[in-house]
């Protein structure tokens, strides 16, 4: 049940016009260097909601169960989303050669 509320929260915040950047992200992007892709996606986003939706898609592509586990954890979704974004940025910028997929996995492991 919590999972569906979490998904509905993201859907109500970010659907409609906020899918533009997320729709451009593919599995192929996961193997690209994270610092460059992070900057590209962030700069393409018109607002924080659009960028948040893009990040959710990135994490979904790497680990489909992560969002469900997070939703069922009982953590405040807004606080969780803010922390996710900060941690993802940290792991992306940690090394110029880290891939998007590796940065996502590091973020997931850190947030467990």
C-alpha atoms as a PDB file:
ATOM      1  CA  UNK A   1       0.000   0.000   0.000  1.00  0.00           C
ATOM      2  CA  UNK A   2       2.765   2.453   0.914  1.00  0.00           C
ATOM      3  CA  UNK A   3       4.420   1.738  -2.431  1.00  0.00           C
ATOM      4  CA  UNK A   4       1.336   2.874  -4.309  1.00  0.00           C
ATOM      5  CA  UNK A   5       1.047   6.035  -2.216  1.00  0.00           C
ATOM      6  CA  UNK A   6       4.697   6.775  -2.958  1.00  0.00           C
ATOM      7  CA  UNK A   7       4.149   6.263  -6.687  1.00  0.00           C
ATOM      8  CA  UNK A   8       1.026   8.436  -6.587  1.00  0.00           C
ATOM      9  CA  UNK A   9       2.981  11.175  -4.811  1.00  0.00           C
ATOM     10  CA  UNK A  10       5.615  11.177  -7.526  1.00  0.00           C
ATOM     11  CA  UNK A  11       2.968  10.957 -10.224  1.00  0.00           C
ATOM     12  CA  UNK A  12       1.007  13.902  -8.885  1.00  0.00           C
ATOM     13  CA  UNK A  13       4.141  16.011  -8.452  1.00  0.00           C
ATOM     14  CA  UNK A  14       5.867  15.204 -11.659  1.00  0.00           C
ATOM     15  CA  UNK A  15       3.693  13.723 -14.346  1.00  0.00           C
ATOM     16  CA  UNK A  16       2.454  15.640 -17.386  1.00  0.00           C
ATOM     17  CA  UNK A  17       5.169  18.112 -18.403  1.00  0.00           C
ATOM     18  CA  UNK A  18       7.831  16.642 -16.148  1.00  0.00           C
ATOM     19  CA  UNK A  19       8.487  13.515 -18.216  1.00  0.00           C
ATOM     20  CA  UNK A  20      10.423  15.304 -20.961  1.00  0.00           C
ATOM     21  CA  UNK A  21      13.921  14.551 -19.622  1.00  0.00           C
ATOM     22  CA  UNK A  22      12.984  11.156 -18.162  1.00  0.00           C
ATOM     23  CA  UNK A  23      11.685  10.032 -21.561  1.00  0.00           C
ATOM     24  CA  UNK A  24      15.134  10.633 -23.058  1.00  0.00           C
ATOM     25  CA  UNK A  25      16.969   8.382 -20.584  1.00  0.00           C
ATOM     26  CA  UNK A  26      17.710   4.847 -21.794  1.00  0.00           C
ATOM     27  CA  UNK A  27      19.552   1.770 -20.560  1.00  0.00           C
ATOM     28  CA  UNK A  28      22.449   2.783 -22.817  1.00  0.00           C
ATOM     29  CA  UNK A  29      22.921   5.974 -20.758  1.00  0.00           C
ATOM     30  CA  UNK A  30      23.664   3.885 -17.656  1.00  0.00           C
ATOM     31  CA  UNK A  31      27.102   2.969 -19.017  1.00  0.00           C
ATOM     32  CA  UNK A  32      28.081   6.589 -19.720  1.00  0.00           C
ATOM     33  CA  UNK A  33      30.315   8.604 -17.357  1.00  0.00           C
ATOM     34  CA  UNK A  34      28.066   9.923 -14.621  1.00  0.00           C
ATOM     35  CA  UNK A  35      29.449  13.451 -14.142  1.00  0.00           C
ATOM     36  CA  UNK A  36      28.712  14.370 -17.755  1.00  0.00           C
ATOM     37  CA  UNK A  37      25.304  12.713 -17.939  1.00  0.00           C
ATOM     38  CA  UNK A  38      24.297  14.182 -14.575  1.00  0.00           C
ATOM     39  CA  UNK A  39      25.140  17.684 -15.772  1.00  0.00           C
ATOM     40  CA  UNK A  40      23.418  17.125 -19.109  1.00  0.00           C
ATOM     41  CA  UNK A  41      20.175  15.872 -17.547  1.00  0.00           C
ATOM     42  CA  UNK A  42      20.180  18.507 -14.828  1.00  0.00           C
ATOM     43  CA  UNK A  43      20.677  21.351 -17.308  1.00  0.00           C
ATOM     44  CA  UNK A  44      17.955  19.945 -19.585  1.00  0.00           C
ATOM     45  CA  UNK A  45      15.449  19.953 -16.717  1.00  0.00           C
ATOM     46  CA  UNK A  46      13.249  23.032 -16.556  1.00  0.00           C
ATOM     47  CA  UNK A  47      12.601  22.640 -12.821  1.00  0.00           C
ATOM     48  CA  UNK A  48      13.431  20.478  -9.806  1.00  0.00           C
ATOM     49  CA  UNK A  49      10.339  18.344 -10.297  1.00  0.00           C
ATOM     50  CA  UNK A  50      11.383  17.421 -13.826  1.00  0.00           C
ATOM     51  CA  UNK A  51      14.894  16.612 -12.579  1.00  0.00           C
ATOM     52  CA  UNK A  52      13.427  14.529  -9.735  1.00  0.00           C
ATOM     53  CA  UNK A  53      11.362  12.520 -12.202  1.00  0.00           C
ATOM     54  CA  UNK A  54      14.462  11.894 -14.312  1.00  0.00           C
ATOM     55  CA  UNK A  55      16.361  10.645 -11.251  1.00  0.00           C
ATOM     56  CA  UNK A  56      13.533   8.285 -10.338  1.00  0.00           C
ATOM     57  CA  UNK A  57      13.702   6.786 -13.827  1.00  0.00           C
ATOM     58  CA  UNK A  58      17.487   6.370 -13.582  1.00  0.00           C
ATOM     59  CA  UNK A  59      17.139   4.472 -10.304  1.00  0.00           C
ATOM     60  CA  UNK A  60      14.247   2.429 -11.698  1.00  0.00           C
ATOM     61  CA  UNK A  61      16.364   1.347 -14.689  1.00  0.00           C
ATOM     62  CA  UNK A  62      19.155   0.136 -12.402  1.00  0.00           C
ATOM     63  CA  UNK A  63      17.098  -1.488  -9.630  1.00  0.00           C
ATOM     64  CA  UNK A  64      13.344  -1.754 -10.111  1.00  0.00           C
ATOM     65  CA  UNK A  65      12.791  -2.919  -6.547  1.00  0.00           C
ATOM     66  CA  UNK A  66      14.629  -0.014  -4.922  1.00  0.00           C
ATOM     67  CA  UNK A  67      11.713   2.413  -5.139  1.00  0.00           C
ATOM     68  CA  UNK A  68       9.336  -0.184  -3.723  1.00  0.00           C
ATOM     69  CA  UNK A  69      11.677  -0.929  -0.815  1.00  0.00           C
ATOM     70  CA  UNK A  70      12.091   2.796  -0.137  1.00  0.00           C
ATOM     71  CA  UNK A  71       8.337   3.384  -0.190  1.00  0.00           C
ATOM     72  CA  UNK A  72       7.783   0.573   2.294  1.00  0.00           C
ATOM     73  CA  UNK A  73      10.546   1.778   4.623  1.00  0.00           C
ATOM     74  CA  UNK A  74       8.350   4.309   6.399  1.00  0.00           C
ATOM     75  CA  UNK A  75      10.684   7.207   5.611  1.00  0.00           C
ATOM     76  CA  UNK A  76       9.161  10.582   4.724  1.00  0.00           C
ATOM     77  CA  UNK A  77       9.064  10.585   0.880  1.00  0.00           C
ATOM     78  CA  UNK A  78      10.095  14.234   0.564  1.00  0.00           C
ATOM     79  CA  UNK A  79      13.087  13.833   2.870  1.00  0.00           C
ATOM     80  CA  UNK A  80      14.001  10.576   1.164  1.00  0.00           C
ATOM     81  CA  UNK A  81      13.870  12.147  -2.311  1.00  0.00           C
ATOM     82  CA  UNK A  82      16.045  15.071  -1.190  1.00  0.00           C
ATOM     83  CA  UNK A  83      18.609  12.715   0.338  1.00  0.00           C
ATOM     84  CA  UNK A  84      18.555  10.514  -2.752  1.00  0.00           C
ATOM     85  CA  UNK A  85      19.359  13.489  -4.966  1.00  0.00           C
ATOM     86  CA  UNK A  86      22.203  14.675  -2.729  1.00  0.00           C
ATOM     87  CA  UNK A  87      23.742  11.213  -2.470  1.00  0.00           C
ATOM     88  CA  UNK A  88      23.431  10.529  -6.194  1.00  0.00           C
ATOM     89  CA  UNK A  89      25.168  13.816  -6.987  1.00  0.00           C
ATOM     90  CA  UNK A  90      27.935  12.999  -4.509  1.00  0.00           C
ATOM     91  CA  UNK A  91      28.634   9.574  -6.019  1.00  0.00           C
ATOM     92  CA  UNK A  92      28.385  10.971  -9.550  1.00  0.00           C
ATOM     93  CA  UNK A  93      30.931  13.672  -8.867  1.00  0.00           C
ATOM     94  CA  UNK A  94      33.237  11.452  -6.793  1.00  0.00           C
ATOM     95  CA  UNK A  95      35.122  10.250  -9.855  1.00  0.00           C
ATOM     96  CA  UNK A  96      35.181  11.500 -13.458  1.00  0.00           C
ATOM     97  CA  UNK A  97      35.119   7.929 -14.752  1.00  0.00           C
ATOM     98  CA  UNK A  98      32.296   6.449 -12.656  1.00  0.00           C
ATOM     99  CA  UNK A  99      29.369   5.249 -14.758  1.00  0.00           C
ATOM    100  CA  UNK A 100      25.777   6.259 -14.085  1.00  0.00           C
ATOM    101  CA  UNK A 101      24.966   2.659 -13.137  1.00  0.00           C
ATOM    102  CA  UNK A 102      27.838   2.484 -10.637  1.00  0.00           C
ATOM    103  CA  UNK A 103      26.894   5.819  -9.050  1.00  0.00           C
ATOM    104  CA  UNK A 104      23.298   4.623  -8.687  1.00  0.00           C
ATOM    105  CA  UNK A 105      24.401   1.339  -7.092  1.00  0.00           C
ATOM    106  CA  UNK A 106      26.694   3.226  -4.706  1.00  0.00           C
ATOM    107  CA  UNK A 107      23.820   5.530  -3.780  1.00  0.00           C
ATOM    108  CA  UNK A 108      21.477   2.600  -3.177  1.00  0.00           C
ATOM    109  CA  UNK A 109      24.030   0.815  -0.991  1.00  0.00           C
ATOM    110  CA  UNK A 110      24.698   4.003   0.978  1.00  0.00           C
ATOM    111  CA  UNK A 111      20.994   4.611   1.607  1.00  0.00           C
ATOM    112  CA  UNK A 112      20.246   1.101   2.889  1.00  0.00           C
END
